[in-house]
Each structure stands twice: as C-alpha cells, then as structure tokens.
Amino acid sequence: LEGKSISAVARTFNVHPATIYRCIEPNSAL
C-alpha cells in the first residue's frame, strides 16, 4: 500500500498510520 492509502485507512479506523503498517507488513516492522 502507498503512504496515502495507509493514511486513509488509519483515518477510517482512527488509528496511527504506523499501526496499519505493522498490520500489513509485520515482518518488516521488527
């Protein structure tokens, strides 16, 4: 996902974009 997409999803779920990134790429967020 692009940064804009993550921001959009983060806004929808009212969470921090970093949280979304950890969910979509758990292996890269170590």
N, C-alpha and C. Protein backbone atom coordinates (compact mmCIF):
# COMPACT_ATOMS: atom_id res chain seq x y z
N LEU A 1 0.83 -1.21 0.00
CA LEU A 1 0.00 0.00 0.00
C LEU A 1 0.86 1.25 0.00
N GLU A 2 0.36 2.31 -0.60
CA GLU A 2 1.08 3.57 -0.61
C GLU A 2 0.87 4.31 0.69
N GLY A 3 1.72 5.29 0.96
CA GLY A 3 1.59 6.07 2.19
C GLY A 3 0.23 6.73 2.29
N LYS A 4 -0.29 7.20 1.15
CA LYS A 4 -1.60 7.83 1.14
C LYS A 4 -2.68 6.83 1.52
N SER A 5 -2.55 5.61 1.03
CA SER A 5 -3.55 4.58 1.32
C SER A 5 -3.55 4.26 2.80
N ILE A 6 -2.34 4.14 3.36
CA ILE A 6 -2.21 3.84 4.79
C ILE A 6 -2.83 4.96 5.62
N SER A 7 -2.57 6.19 5.22
CA SER A 7 -3.13 7.33 5.94
C SER A 7 -4.65 7.33 5.87
N ALA A 8 -5.17 6.95 4.71
CA ALA A 8 -6.62 6.91 4.53
C ALA A 8 -7.24 5.85 5.42
N VAL A 9 -6.61 4.68 5.45
CA VAL A 9 -7.11 3.58 6.29
C VAL A 9 -6.99 3.97 7.76
N ALA A 10 -5.87 4.58 8.12
CA ALA A 10 -5.65 5.00 9.50
C ALA A 10 -6.73 5.98 9.93
N ARG A 11 -7.11 6.87 9.03
CA ARG A 11 -8.15 7.85 9.32
C ARG A 11 -9.49 7.16 9.49
N THR A 12 -9.75 6.16 8.66
CA THR A 12 -11.02 5.43 8.71
C THR A 12 -11.19 4.70 10.04
N PHE A 13 -10.10 4.05 10.48
CA PHE A 13 -10.17 3.28 11.72
C PHE A 13 -9.75 4.09 12.93
N ASN A 14 -9.39 5.38 12.68
CA ASN A 14 -8.98 6.28 13.76
C ASN A 14 -7.79 5.73 14.53
N VAL A 15 -6.77 5.28 13.79
CA VAL A 15 -5.56 4.77 14.41
C VAL A 15 -4.35 5.42 13.77
N HIS A 16 -3.17 5.18 14.35
CA HIS A 16 -1.95 5.77 13.81
C HIS A 16 -1.51 4.99 12.58
N PRO A 17 -1.03 5.68 11.55
CA PRO A 17 -0.57 5.02 10.31
C PRO A 17 0.45 3.91 10.57
N ALA A 18 1.29 4.10 11.59
CA ALA A 18 2.30 3.09 11.91
C ALA A 18 1.64 1.78 12.32
N THR A 19 0.48 1.89 12.97
CA THR A 19 -0.25 0.69 13.39
C THR A 19 -0.70 -0.10 12.17
N ILE A 20 -1.17 0.62 11.14
CA ILE A 20 -1.60 -0.04 9.92
C ILE A 20 -0.42 -0.72 9.25
N TYR A 21 0.72 -0.03 9.23
CA TYR A 21 1.90 -0.57 8.57
C TYR A 21 2.36 -1.85 9.24
N ARG A 22 2.26 -1.88 10.57
CA ARG A 22 2.63 -3.08 11.32
C ARG A 22 1.70 -4.24 10.99
N CYS A 23 0.44 -3.92 10.69
CA CYS A 23 -0.56 -4.96 10.38
C CYS A 23 -0.36 -5.54 8.98
N ILE A 24 0.01 -4.67 8.03
CA ILE A 24 0.15 -5.15 6.65
C ILE A 24 1.52 -5.77 6.41
N GLU A 25 2.55 -5.31 7.16
CA GLU A 25 3.87 -5.89 7.00
C GLU A 25 4.52 -6.15 8.35
N PRO A 26 4.05 -7.18 9.06
CA PRO A 26 4.56 -7.49 10.40
C PRO A 26 6.03 -7.89 10.39
N ASN A 27 6.48 -8.51 9.31
CA ASN A 27 7.86 -8.97 9.23
C ASN A 27 8.84 -7.82 9.03
N SER A 28 8.36 -6.73 8.43
CA SER A 28 9.22 -5.59 8.16
C SER A 28 9.22 -4.58 9.30
N ALA A 29 8.31 -4.77 10.26
CA ALA A 29 8.16 -3.81 11.34
C ALA A 29 8.95 -4.22 12.58
N LEU A 30 9.82 -5.23 12.40
CA LEU A 30 10.64 -5.63 13.53
C LEU A 30 11.73 -4.60 13.69
